[in-house]
């Protein structure tokens, strides 16, 4: 908790120091990122609370069997949705920490791959036609290839000297 507080305090100090030197657009970007981050954090907290208050009593009461395939798919789909939202928030927070200027392409691709993975997990293969499954598989393959290409490009760039 103290680490988070000191990081938050450090971020505030750093932002105050850099604020006079930022362009109007950089200031705008910082404000937008902070507001988005707060909104996403609120959405994640509410979704987590709703997930816990709905599922835990049902599981403890025996109304939901987590070993049932359909129940497992639905529960895991909800959990994956929260993980996707967390990763999205993390990518935005990195902009606030000035680790990156804007949300990086690799991060967007990874979030899309997570979303496709979630789709495959919750997919009912008995009611989904083959063309849809093939399209999702093709999209996953294409995103994987693009991620690999972007990573290769980034790996070949010279690292900045510290």
N, C-alpha and C. Protein backbone atom coordinates (compact mmCIF):
# COMPACT_ATOMS: atom_id res chain seq x y z
N UNK A 1 0.83 -1.19 0.00
CA UNK A 1 0.00 0.00 0.00
C UNK A 1 0.87 1.25 0.00
N UNK A 2 1.94 1.25 0.82
CA UNK A 2 2.83 2.40 0.86
C UNK A 2 3.53 2.59 -0.47
N UNK A 3 3.86 1.49 -1.15
CA UNK A 3 4.51 1.58 -2.45
C UNK A 3 3.59 2.27 -3.45
N UNK A 4 2.32 1.87 -3.47
CA UNK A 4 1.36 2.50 -4.38
C UNK A 4 1.22 3.98 -4.07
N UNK A 5 1.16 4.31 -2.78
CA UNK A 5 1.01 5.70 -2.38
C UNK A 5 2.23 6.51 -2.80
N UNK A 6 3.43 5.96 -2.62
CA UNK A 6 4.64 6.68 -3.00
C UNK A 6 4.75 6.81 -4.51
N UNK A 7 4.30 5.77 -5.25
CA UNK A 7 4.31 5.87 -6.71
C UNK A 7 3.33 6.93 -7.18
N UNK A 8 2.15 6.97 -6.55
CA UNK A 8 1.15 7.97 -6.90
C UNK A 8 1.68 9.37 -6.60
N UNK A 9 2.31 9.53 -5.44
CA UNK A 9 2.89 10.82 -5.07
C UNK A 9 3.99 11.20 -6.05
N UNK A 10 4.83 10.23 -6.41
CA UNK A 10 5.91 10.46 -7.36
C UNK A 10 5.36 10.88 -8.72
N UNK A 11 4.28 10.22 -9.15
CA UNK A 11 3.66 10.56 -10.43
C UNK A 11 3.11 11.98 -10.40
N UNK A 12 2.49 12.35 -9.30
CA UNK A 12 1.96 13.71 -9.17
C UNK A 12 3.09 14.73 -9.25
N UNK A 13 4.17 14.48 -8.53
CA UNK A 13 5.30 15.41 -8.56
C UNK A 13 5.91 15.49 -9.95
N UNK A 14 6.07 14.34 -10.58
CA UNK A 14 6.65 14.32 -11.92
C UNK A 14 5.77 15.06 -12.92
N UNK A 15 4.46 14.86 -12.81
CA UNK A 15 3.53 15.54 -13.71
C UNK A 15 3.60 17.05 -13.49
N UNK A 16 3.64 17.46 -12.23
CA UNK A 16 3.75 18.90 -11.94
C UNK A 16 5.03 19.49 -12.51
N UNK A 17 6.12 18.74 -12.42
CA UNK A 17 7.39 19.24 -12.94
C UNK A 17 7.38 19.34 -14.46
N UNK A 18 6.78 18.35 -15.13
CA UNK A 18 6.79 18.34 -16.59
C UNK A 18 5.68 19.19 -17.20
N UNK A 19 4.64 19.49 -16.44
CA UNK A 19 3.47 20.18 -16.98
C UNK A 19 3.82 21.48 -17.72
N UNK A 20 4.67 22.35 -17.16
CA UNK A 20 4.98 23.60 -17.88
C UNK A 20 5.68 23.38 -19.22
N UNK A 21 6.34 22.25 -19.37
CA UNK A 21 7.10 21.99 -20.59
C UNK A 21 6.32 21.18 -21.62
N UNK A 22 5.13 20.75 -21.25
CA UNK A 22 4.31 19.95 -22.16
C UNK A 22 3.59 20.85 -23.15
N UNK A 23 3.42 20.31 -24.36
CA UNK A 23 2.61 21.03 -25.35
C UNK A 23 1.14 20.91 -24.95
N UNK A 24 0.31 21.70 -25.58
CA UNK A 24 -1.12 21.65 -25.29
C UNK A 24 -1.66 20.25 -25.55
N UNK A 25 -1.21 19.63 -26.63
CA UNK A 25 -1.69 18.28 -26.94
C UNK A 25 -1.23 17.28 -25.89
N UNK A 26 0.01 17.38 -25.43
CA UNK A 26 0.51 16.46 -24.41
C UNK A 26 -0.28 16.61 -23.11
N UNK A 27 -0.64 17.83 -22.76
CA UNK A 27 -1.47 18.05 -21.57
C UNK A 27 -2.85 17.42 -21.77
N UNK A 28 -3.41 17.66 -22.95
CA UNK A 28 -4.72 17.08 -23.28
C UNK A 28 -4.66 15.56 -23.18
N UNK A 29 -3.61 14.98 -23.75
CA UNK A 29 -3.44 13.53 -23.72
C UNK A 29 -3.35 13.02 -22.28
N UNK A 30 -2.61 13.68 -21.43
CA UNK A 30 -2.47 13.28 -20.03
C UNK A 30 -3.83 13.30 -19.32
N UNK A 31 -4.60 14.37 -19.53
CA UNK A 31 -5.90 14.49 -18.88
C UNK A 31 -6.84 13.39 -19.38
N UNK A 32 -6.87 13.17 -20.69
CA UNK A 32 -7.74 12.14 -21.26
C UNK A 32 -7.37 10.76 -20.71
N UNK A 33 -6.09 10.47 -20.66
CA UNK A 33 -5.63 9.17 -20.17
C UNK A 33 -6.00 8.98 -18.70
N UNK A 34 -5.84 10.01 -17.89
CA UNK A 34 -6.20 9.91 -16.48
C UNK A 34 -7.70 9.68 -16.30
N UNK A 35 -8.51 10.42 -17.05
CA UNK A 35 -9.97 10.25 -16.95
C UNK A 35 -10.38 8.86 -17.43
N UNK A 36 -9.83 8.42 -18.57
CA UNK A 36 -10.14 7.07 -19.06
C UNK A 36 -9.73 6.01 -18.05
N UNK A 37 -8.57 6.18 -17.47
CA UNK A 37 -8.08 5.21 -16.49
C UNK A 37 -9.02 5.13 -15.29
N UNK A 38 -9.48 6.26 -14.81
CA UNK A 38 -10.42 6.27 -13.68
C UNK A 38 -11.74 5.61 -14.05
N UNK A 39 -12.25 5.90 -15.24
CA UNK A 39 -13.52 5.31 -15.67
C UNK A 39 -13.38 3.80 -15.80
N UNK A 40 -12.30 3.34 -16.43
CA UNK A 40 -12.09 1.90 -16.61
C UNK A 40 -11.92 1.22 -15.26
N UNK A 41 -11.19 1.85 -14.34
CA UNK A 41 -11.02 1.27 -13.00
C UNK A 41 -12.36 1.14 -12.30
N UNK A 42 -13.22 2.13 -12.45
CA UNK A 42 -14.55 2.08 -11.85
C UNK A 42 -15.38 0.95 -12.46
N UNK A 43 -15.34 0.84 -13.78
CA UNK A 43 -16.08 -0.23 -14.47
C UNK A 43 -15.58 -1.60 -14.03
N UNK A 44 -14.27 -1.77 -13.93
CA UNK A 44 -13.69 -3.05 -13.50
C UNK A 44 -14.12 -3.38 -12.07
N UNK A 45 -14.06 -2.39 -11.20
CA UNK A 45 -14.44 -2.62 -9.80
C UNK A 45 -15.91 -3.02 -9.69
N UNK A 46 -16.78 -2.33 -10.42
CA UNK A 46 -18.21 -2.66 -10.39
C UNK A 46 -18.45 -4.05 -10.98
N UNK A 47 -17.79 -4.35 -12.10
CA UNK A 47 -17.97 -5.67 -12.72
C UNK A 47 -17.47 -6.78 -11.80
N UNK A 48 -16.35 -6.56 -11.14
CA UNK A 48 -15.83 -7.57 -10.21
C UNK A 48 -16.78 -7.77 -9.04
N UNK A 49 -17.30 -6.68 -8.52
CA UNK A 49 -18.26 -6.77 -7.41
C UNK A 49 -19.52 -7.52 -7.84
N UNK A 50 -20.03 -7.20 -9.02
CA UNK A 50 -21.23 -7.89 -9.52
C UNK A 50 -20.94 -9.37 -9.77
N UNK A 51 -19.79 -9.68 -10.33
CA UNK A 51 -19.41 -11.07 -10.57
C UNK A 51 -19.37 -11.84 -9.25
N UNK A 52 -18.73 -11.25 -8.26
CA UNK A 52 -18.62 -11.92 -6.96
C UNK A 52 -19.97 -12.06 -6.28
N UNK A 53 -20.77 -11.00 -6.28
CA UNK A 53 -22.06 -11.07 -5.57
C UNK A 53 -23.07 -11.97 -6.26
N UNK A 54 -22.91 -12.18 -7.54
CA UNK A 54 -23.84 -13.07 -8.26
C UNK A 54 -23.39 -14.52 -8.25
N UNK A 55 -22.11 -14.75 -8.48
CA UNK A 55 -21.63 -16.12 -8.65
C UNK A 55 -21.32 -16.84 -7.34
N UNK A 56 -20.70 -16.17 -6.41
CA UNK A 56 -20.29 -16.86 -5.18
C UNK A 56 -21.49 -17.43 -4.42
N UNK A 57 -22.57 -16.67 -4.19
CA UNK A 57 -23.72 -17.28 -3.50
C UNK A 57 -24.33 -18.45 -4.27
N UNK A 58 -24.35 -18.35 -5.60
CA UNK A 58 -24.90 -19.45 -6.40
C UNK A 58 -24.03 -20.70 -6.30
N UNK A 59 -22.72 -20.52 -6.29
CA UNK A 59 -21.83 -21.68 -6.19
C UNK A 59 -21.88 -22.28 -4.79
N UNK A 60 -21.86 -21.43 -3.77
CA UNK A 60 -21.90 -21.94 -2.40
C UNK A 60 -23.24 -22.60 -2.08
N UNK A 61 -24.30 -22.10 -2.70
CA UNK A 61 -25.63 -22.68 -2.49
C UNK A 61 -25.88 -23.91 -3.32
N UNK A 62 -24.97 -24.24 -4.21
CA UNK A 62 -25.11 -25.43 -5.03
C UNK A 62 -25.94 -25.23 -6.29
N UNK A 63 -26.39 -23.99 -6.55
CA UNK A 63 -27.19 -23.73 -7.73
C UNK A 63 -26.35 -23.74 -9.01
N UNK A 64 -25.07 -23.43 -8.87
CA UNK A 64 -24.15 -23.45 -10.01
C UNK A 64 -23.09 -24.50 -9.77
N UNK A 65 -22.90 -25.34 -10.74
CA UNK A 65 -21.85 -26.35 -10.65
C UNK A 65 -20.70 -25.91 -11.56
N UNK A 66 -19.59 -25.43 -10.99
CA UNK A 66 -18.50 -24.96 -11.84
C UNK A 66 -17.87 -26.06 -12.70
N UNK A 67 -18.19 -27.31 -12.41
CA UNK A 67 -17.66 -28.41 -13.22
C UNK A 67 -18.52 -28.67 -14.45
N UNK A 68 -19.72 -28.11 -14.48
CA UNK A 68 -20.58 -28.21 -15.66
C UNK A 68 -19.95 -27.36 -16.76
N UNK A 69 -19.81 -27.95 -17.96
CA UNK A 69 -19.10 -27.29 -19.05
C UNK A 69 -19.69 -25.92 -19.40
N UNK A 70 -20.99 -25.82 -19.51
CA UNK A 70 -21.62 -24.55 -19.89
C UNK A 70 -21.44 -23.50 -18.80
N UNK A 71 -21.57 -23.91 -17.55
CA UNK A 71 -21.37 -22.98 -16.43
C UNK A 71 -19.92 -22.51 -16.40
N UNK A 72 -19.00 -23.45 -16.59
CA UNK A 72 -17.58 -23.11 -16.61
C UNK A 72 -17.28 -22.12 -17.72
N UNK A 73 -17.83 -22.37 -18.91
CA UNK A 73 -17.61 -21.45 -20.03
C UNK A 73 -18.10 -20.05 -19.69
N UNK A 74 -19.29 -19.95 -19.14
CA UNK A 74 -19.86 -18.65 -18.81
C UNK A 74 -19.04 -17.93 -17.74
N UNK A 75 -18.67 -18.66 -16.69
CA UNK A 75 -17.89 -18.05 -15.61
C UNK A 75 -16.51 -17.62 -16.10
N UNK A 76 -15.86 -18.49 -16.85
CA UNK A 76 -14.53 -18.16 -17.35
C UNK A 76 -14.59 -17.02 -18.35
N UNK A 77 -15.66 -16.96 -19.13
CA UNK A 77 -15.86 -15.84 -20.05
C UNK A 77 -15.95 -14.52 -19.31
N UNK A 78 -16.67 -14.50 -18.19
CA UNK A 78 -16.78 -13.28 -17.39
C UNK A 78 -15.42 -12.89 -16.80
N UNK A 79 -14.69 -13.88 -16.33
CA UNK A 79 -13.36 -13.61 -15.76
C UNK A 79 -12.42 -13.09 -16.84
N UNK A 80 -12.46 -13.69 -18.02
CA UNK A 80 -11.61 -13.23 -19.13
C UNK A 80 -11.96 -11.79 -19.52
N UNK A 81 -13.25 -11.44 -19.46
CA UNK A 81 -13.65 -10.08 -19.78
C UNK A 81 -12.99 -9.10 -18.81
N UNK A 82 -12.97 -9.45 -17.53
CA UNK A 82 -12.30 -8.59 -16.55
C UNK A 82 -10.80 -8.50 -16.81
N UNK A 83 -10.18 -9.62 -17.18
CA UNK A 83 -8.75 -9.60 -17.48
C UNK A 83 -8.43 -8.72 -18.69
N UNK A 84 -9.30 -8.77 -19.69
CA UNK A 84 -9.12 -7.92 -20.87
C UNK A 84 -9.22 -6.45 -20.46
N UNK A 85 -10.21 -6.13 -19.63
CA UNK A 85 -10.36 -4.75 -19.17
C UNK A 85 -9.14 -4.31 -18.35
N UNK A 86 -8.62 -5.20 -17.51
CA UNK A 86 -7.42 -4.87 -16.72
C UNK A 86 -6.22 -4.61 -17.63
N UNK A 87 -6.04 -5.43 -18.64
CA UNK A 87 -4.92 -5.23 -19.56
C UNK A 87 -5.07 -3.92 -20.32
N UNK A 88 -6.30 -3.61 -20.71
CA UNK A 88 -6.57 -2.35 -21.41
C UNK A 88 -6.22 -1.17 -20.50
N UNK A 89 -6.64 -1.25 -19.24
CA UNK A 89 -6.33 -0.18 -18.28
C UNK A 89 -4.82 -0.07 -18.09
N UNK A 90 -4.15 -1.21 -17.99
CA UNK A 90 -2.69 -1.20 -17.81
C UNK A 90 -2.01 -0.51 -18.99
N UNK A 91 -2.50 -0.74 -20.19
CA UNK A 91 -1.89 -0.10 -21.36
C UNK A 91 -2.08 1.41 -21.33
N UNK A 92 -3.19 1.85 -20.77
CA UNK A 92 -3.43 3.29 -20.66
C UNK A 92 -2.57 3.89 -19.56
N UNK A 93 -2.42 3.18 -18.45
CA UNK A 93 -1.62 3.68 -17.33
C UNK A 93 -0.16 3.86 -17.74
N UNK A 94 0.33 3.01 -18.63
CA UNK A 94 1.72 3.15 -19.09
C UNK A 94 1.93 4.48 -19.80
N UNK A 95 0.88 5.02 -20.41
CA UNK A 95 0.99 6.34 -21.03
C UNK A 95 1.14 7.40 -19.94
N UNK A 96 0.38 7.25 -18.85
CA UNK A 96 0.46 8.21 -17.75
C UNK A 96 1.87 8.22 -17.16
N UNK A 97 2.46 7.03 -17.02
CA UNK A 97 3.80 6.93 -16.45
C UNK A 97 4.87 7.33 -17.46
N UNK A 98 4.45 7.74 -18.63
CA UNK A 98 5.33 8.18 -19.71
C UNK A 98 6.30 7.07 -20.14
N UNK A 99 5.89 5.83 -19.91
CA UNK A 99 6.70 4.72 -20.39
C UNK A 99 6.59 4.65 -21.91
N UNK A 100 5.45 5.09 -22.41
CA UNK A 100 5.22 5.11 -23.85
C UNK A 100 4.39 6.34 -24.18
N UNK A 101 4.59 6.88 -25.37
CA UNK A 101 3.87 8.08 -25.76
C UNK A 101 2.39 7.84 -25.97
N UNK A 102 2.09 6.80 -26.69
CA UNK A 102 0.69 6.44 -26.93
C UNK A 102 0.56 4.94 -26.72
N UNK A 103 -0.68 4.47 -26.73
CA UNK A 103 -0.90 3.04 -26.57
C UNK A 103 -0.21 2.32 -27.73
N UNK A 104 0.58 1.33 -27.41
CA UNK A 104 1.41 0.65 -28.39
C UNK A 104 0.63 -0.38 -29.19
N UNK A 105 1.03 -0.58 -30.43
CA UNK A 105 0.38 -1.52 -31.33
C UNK A 105 0.43 -2.93 -30.75
N UNK A 106 1.57 -3.32 -30.18
CA UNK A 106 1.69 -4.66 -29.60
C UNK A 106 0.65 -4.89 -28.52
N UNK A 107 0.42 -3.89 -27.70
CA UNK A 107 -0.56 -4.02 -26.63
C UNK A 107 -1.96 -4.20 -27.18
N UNK A 108 -2.29 -3.42 -28.19
CA UNK A 108 -3.62 -3.54 -28.82
C UNK A 108 -3.80 -4.93 -29.42
N UNK A 109 -2.75 -5.44 -30.07
CA UNK A 109 -2.82 -6.77 -30.66
C UNK A 109 -2.99 -7.84 -29.58
N UNK A 110 -2.26 -7.70 -28.48
CA UNK A 110 -2.39 -8.67 -27.39
C UNK A 110 -3.79 -8.64 -26.77
N UNK A 111 -4.36 -7.45 -26.64
CA UNK A 111 -5.72 -7.35 -26.12
C UNK A 111 -6.70 -8.01 -27.08
N UNK A 112 -6.50 -7.80 -28.38
CA UNK A 112 -7.37 -8.45 -29.37
C UNK A 112 -7.22 -9.97 -29.31
N UNK A 113 -5.99 -10.45 -29.12
CA UNK A 113 -5.78 -11.90 -28.98
C UNK A 113 -6.46 -12.44 -27.73
N UNK A 114 -6.41 -11.68 -26.64
CA UNK A 114 -7.13 -12.08 -25.43
C UNK A 114 -8.63 -12.16 -25.69
N UNK A 115 -9.16 -11.17 -26.41
CA UNK A 115 -10.59 -11.16 -26.72
C UNK A 115 -10.97 -12.35 -27.59
N UNK A 116 -10.13 -12.68 -28.56
CA UNK A 116 -10.40 -13.85 -29.39
C UNK A 116 -10.30 -15.14 -28.58
N UNK A 117 -9.34 -15.19 -27.68
CA UNK A 117 -9.23 -16.37 -26.80
C UNK A 117 -10.49 -16.53 -25.97
N UNK A 118 -10.99 -15.41 -25.45
CA UNK A 118 -12.24 -15.44 -24.69
C UNK A 118 -13.37 -15.96 -25.56
N UNK A 119 -13.42 -15.48 -26.80
CA UNK A 119 -14.48 -15.91 -27.72
C UNK A 119 -14.42 -17.42 -27.95
N UNK A 120 -13.21 -17.94 -28.12
CA UNK A 120 -13.08 -19.39 -28.32
C UNK A 120 -13.51 -20.16 -27.07
N UNK A 121 -13.24 -19.60 -25.90
CA UNK A 121 -13.62 -20.28 -24.66
C UNK A 121 -15.13 -20.35 -24.51
N UNK A 122 -15.83 -19.25 -24.83
CA UNK A 122 -17.28 -19.23 -24.62
C UNK A 122 -18.06 -19.73 -25.82
N UNK A 123 -17.37 -20.02 -26.90
CA UNK A 123 -18.02 -20.45 -28.14
C UNK A 123 -18.70 -21.80 -27.98
N UNK A 124 -19.93 -21.88 -28.42
CA UNK A 124 -20.64 -23.16 -28.45
C UNK A 124 -20.41 -23.77 -29.83
N UNK A 125 -19.54 -24.75 -29.89
CA UNK A 125 -19.16 -25.31 -31.20
C UNK A 125 -20.30 -26.06 -31.87
N UNK A 126 -21.29 -26.45 -31.09
CA UNK A 126 -22.41 -27.19 -31.68
C UNK A 126 -23.38 -26.28 -32.42
N UNK A 127 -23.46 -25.01 -32.02
CA UNK A 127 -24.40 -24.10 -32.68
C UNK A 127 -23.71 -23.06 -33.55
N UNK A 128 -22.38 -23.11 -33.62
CA UNK A 128 -21.63 -22.16 -34.44
C UNK A 128 -21.22 -22.83 -35.73
N UNK A 129 -21.47 -22.14 -36.85
CA UNK A 129 -21.13 -22.76 -38.13
C UNK A 129 -19.62 -22.73 -38.37
N UNK A 130 -19.19 -23.59 -39.25
CA UNK A 130 -17.76 -23.77 -39.51
C UNK A 130 -17.11 -22.50 -40.06
N UNK A 131 -17.85 -21.73 -40.85
CA UNK A 131 -17.30 -20.50 -41.42
C UNK A 131 -16.94 -19.50 -40.33
N UNK A 132 -17.78 -19.40 -39.32
CA UNK A 132 -17.50 -18.48 -38.21
C UNK A 132 -16.26 -18.92 -37.45
N UNK A 133 -16.15 -20.21 -37.18
CA UNK A 133 -14.98 -20.73 -36.48
C UNK A 133 -13.72 -20.51 -37.32
N UNK A 134 -13.82 -20.75 -38.62
CA UNK A 134 -12.68 -20.53 -39.50
C UNK A 134 -12.28 -19.05 -39.54
N UNK A 135 -13.27 -18.17 -39.55
CA UNK A 135 -12.98 -16.73 -39.56
C UNK A 135 -12.28 -16.31 -38.27
N UNK A 136 -12.77 -16.81 -37.14
CA UNK A 136 -12.12 -16.49 -35.86
C UNK A 136 -10.70 -17.05 -35.81
N UNK A 137 -10.52 -18.26 -36.32
CA UNK A 137 -9.19 -18.86 -36.35
C UNK A 137 -8.26 -18.07 -37.26
N UNK A 138 -8.77 -17.63 -38.40
CA UNK A 138 -7.97 -16.82 -39.33
C UNK A 138 -7.58 -15.49 -38.70
N UNK A 139 -8.52 -14.87 -38.00
CA UNK A 139 -8.23 -13.61 -37.33
C UNK A 139 -7.16 -13.80 -36.26
N UNK A 140 -7.25 -14.91 -35.52
CA UNK A 140 -6.26 -15.21 -34.49
C UNK A 140 -4.88 -15.42 -35.12
N UNK A 141 -4.84 -16.17 -36.20
CA UNK A 141 -3.58 -16.41 -36.90
C UNK A 141 -2.99 -15.10 -37.44
N UNK A 142 -3.84 -14.27 -38.04
CA UNK A 142 -3.38 -12.99 -38.58
C UNK A 142 -2.84 -12.09 -37.47
N UNK A 143 -3.56 -12.01 -36.36
CA UNK A 143 -3.08 -11.19 -35.25
C UNK A 143 -1.77 -11.73 -34.68
N UNK A 144 -1.66 -13.05 -34.59
CA UNK A 144 -0.42 -13.64 -34.11
C UNK A 144 0.75 -13.30 -35.03
N UNK A 145 0.51 -13.36 -36.32
CA UNK A 145 1.54 -13.02 -37.30
C UNK A 145 1.93 -11.55 -37.20
N UNK A 146 0.94 -10.67 -37.10
CA UNK A 146 1.23 -9.24 -36.98
C UNK A 146 2.00 -8.96 -35.69
N UNK A 147 1.60 -9.61 -34.60
CA UNK A 147 2.32 -9.42 -33.34
C UNK A 147 3.78 -9.85 -33.49
N UNK A 148 3.99 -10.99 -34.12
CA UNK A 148 5.35 -11.48 -34.31
C UNK A 148 6.17 -10.49 -35.15
N UNK A 149 5.56 -9.96 -36.23
CA UNK A 149 6.27 -9.00 -37.08
C UNK A 149 6.62 -7.72 -36.32
N UNK A 150 5.67 -7.22 -35.54
CA UNK A 150 5.92 -6.00 -34.77
C UNK A 150 7.00 -6.26 -33.72
N UNK A 151 6.94 -7.40 -33.08
CA UNK A 151 7.95 -7.75 -32.07
C UNK A 151 9.33 -7.88 -32.71
N UNK A 152 9.40 -8.51 -33.86
CA UNK A 152 10.67 -8.62 -34.58
C UNK A 152 11.23 -7.24 -34.92
N UNK A 153 10.35 -6.36 -35.37
CA UNK A 153 10.79 -5.00 -35.70
C UNK A 153 11.32 -4.30 -34.46
N UNK A 154 10.60 -4.42 -33.36
CA UNK A 154 11.02 -3.77 -32.11
C UNK A 154 12.31 -4.37 -31.57
N UNK A 155 12.48 -5.68 -31.72
CA UNK A 155 13.69 -6.34 -31.23
C UNK A 155 14.93 -5.92 -32.02
N UNK A 156 14.75 -5.54 -33.27
CA UNK A 156 15.88 -5.16 -34.11
C UNK A 156 16.29 -3.70 -33.93
N UNK A 157 15.41 -2.91 -33.32
CA UNK A 157 15.74 -1.51 -33.08
C UNK A 157 16.82 -1.43 -32.01
N UNK A 158 17.74 -0.48 -32.18
CA UNK A 158 18.77 -0.32 -31.15
C UNK A 158 18.13 0.17 -29.85
N UNK A 159 18.58 -0.39 -28.74
CA UNK A 159 18.08 -0.01 -27.42
C UNK A 159 18.70 1.33 -27.02
N UNK A 160 17.89 2.23 -26.44
CA UNK A 160 18.46 3.51 -26.00
C UNK A 160 19.44 3.31 -24.85
N UNK A 161 20.53 4.07 -24.88
CA UNK A 161 21.54 3.99 -23.83
C UNK A 161 21.05 4.75 -22.61
N UNK A 162 21.21 4.15 -21.43
CA UNK A 162 20.78 4.82 -20.19
C UNK A 162 21.95 5.36 -19.45
